[in-house]
């Protein structure tokens, strides 16, 4: 996992990644007025971006598809339920 700033031209360890503005999605459970959610964007080259939904200029956490799949499976198993 890396942090990607969409306002920089390139990240030191990854090539510049485009996350199209129209590609950001947040869970339906967040509702239209909830600001405590994350948004996910599937980018080119098999990368997944995750950002804070409260601001469009939020830094983006970048995962490859394998990392993302393992995270989603862990969520489904309840590993993060507190």
Protein backbone atom coordinates (compact mmCIF):
# COMPACT_ATOMS: atom_id res chain seq x y z
CA UNK A 1 0.00 0.00 0.00
CA UNK A 2 1.17 3.50 -0.84
CA UNK A 3 -0.24 6.97 -0.46
CA UNK A 4 -0.84 8.77 -3.73
CA UNK A 5 -1.47 12.49 -3.92
CA UNK A 6 -3.59 13.08 -7.01
CA UNK A 7 -2.21 16.61 -7.22
CA UNK A 8 1.37 15.44 -7.70
CA UNK A 9 2.62 14.38 -11.12
CA UNK A 10 4.30 11.18 -9.93
CA UNK A 11 4.70 9.14 -6.79
CA UNK A 12 8.26 8.20 -5.79
CA UNK A 13 7.60 4.45 -5.89
CA UNK A 14 4.80 4.15 -8.45
CA UNK A 15 4.11 5.73 -11.81
CA UNK A 16 1.56 8.52 -11.89
CA UNK A 17 -1.88 6.96 -11.60
CA UNK A 18 -5.04 8.49 -12.91
CA UNK A 19 -8.16 8.11 -10.80
CA UNK A 20 -10.93 9.62 -12.92
CA UNK A 21 -13.26 11.93 -11.02
CA UNK A 22 -16.32 10.02 -12.25
CA UNK A 23 -14.88 6.73 -10.94
CA UNK A 24 -15.18 7.41 -7.19
CA UNK A 25 -17.81 5.26 -5.45
CA UNK A 26 -18.83 5.00 -1.81
CA UNK A 27 -20.93 2.34 -0.12
CA UNK A 28 -24.68 2.80 -0.27
CA UNK A 29 -24.74 2.48 3.54
CA UNK A 30 -23.05 5.88 3.74
CA UNK A 31 -26.13 7.67 2.48
CA UNK A 32 -26.10 11.08 0.81
CA UNK A 33 -25.35 13.10 3.98
CA UNK A 34 -22.75 10.92 5.70
CA UNK A 35 -19.22 12.29 5.75
CA UNK A 36 -17.61 9.39 7.63
CA UNK A 37 -17.04 7.10 4.68
CA UNK A 38 -14.38 6.24 2.18
CA UNK A 39 -14.62 6.24 -1.60
CA UNK A 40 -13.04 3.66 -3.88
CA UNK A 41 -11.83 4.08 -7.46
CA UNK A 42 -10.61 1.36 -9.80
CA UNK A 43 -7.79 2.81 -11.89
CA UNK A 44 -5.80 1.64 -14.85
CA UNK A 45 -3.01 -0.89 -14.33
CA UNK A 46 -5.08 -2.84 -11.77
CA UNK A 47 -4.71 -0.30 -8.96
CA UNK A 48 -7.40 0.61 -6.45
CA UNK A 49 -7.56 4.07 -4.88
CA UNK A 50 -9.22 4.77 -1.52
CA UNK A 51 -9.85 8.28 -0.17
CA UNK A 52 -11.79 10.12 2.51
CA UNK A 53 -15.25 11.02 1.25
CA UNK A 54 -15.34 14.38 3.03
CA UNK A 55 -13.02 16.09 0.54
CA UNK A 56 -12.23 15.59 -3.13
CA UNK A 57 -8.64 16.68 -2.49
CA UNK A 58 -7.99 13.94 0.06
CA UNK A 59 -4.76 11.95 -0.34
CA UNK A 60 -5.38 8.60 -1.99
CA UNK A 61 -4.25 5.27 -0.55
CA UNK A 62 -3.23 3.02 -3.43
CA UNK A 63 -3.53 -0.78 -3.38
CA UNK A 64 -2.89 -3.34 -6.07
CA UNK A 65 -5.77 -5.71 -6.85
CA UNK A 66 -4.32 -8.52 -4.72
CA UNK A 67 -3.95 -6.28 -1.66
CA UNK A 68 -7.48 -4.98 -2.16
CA UNK A 69 -8.94 -8.48 -2.53
CA UNK A 70 -7.25 -9.62 0.70
CA UNK A 71 -8.58 -6.55 2.53
CA UNK A 72 -12.15 -7.11 1.29
CA UNK A 73 -12.02 -10.77 2.32
CA UNK A 74 -10.79 -9.80 5.80
CA UNK A 75 -13.70 -7.35 6.12
CA UNK A 76 -16.14 -10.07 5.08
CA UNK A 77 -14.68 -12.40 7.72
CA UNK A 78 -15.24 -9.71 10.36
CA UNK A 79 -11.57 -9.22 11.19
CA UNK A 80 -12.08 -5.49 11.74
CA UNK A 81 -15.32 -5.67 13.71
CA UNK A 82 -14.72 -4.07 17.02
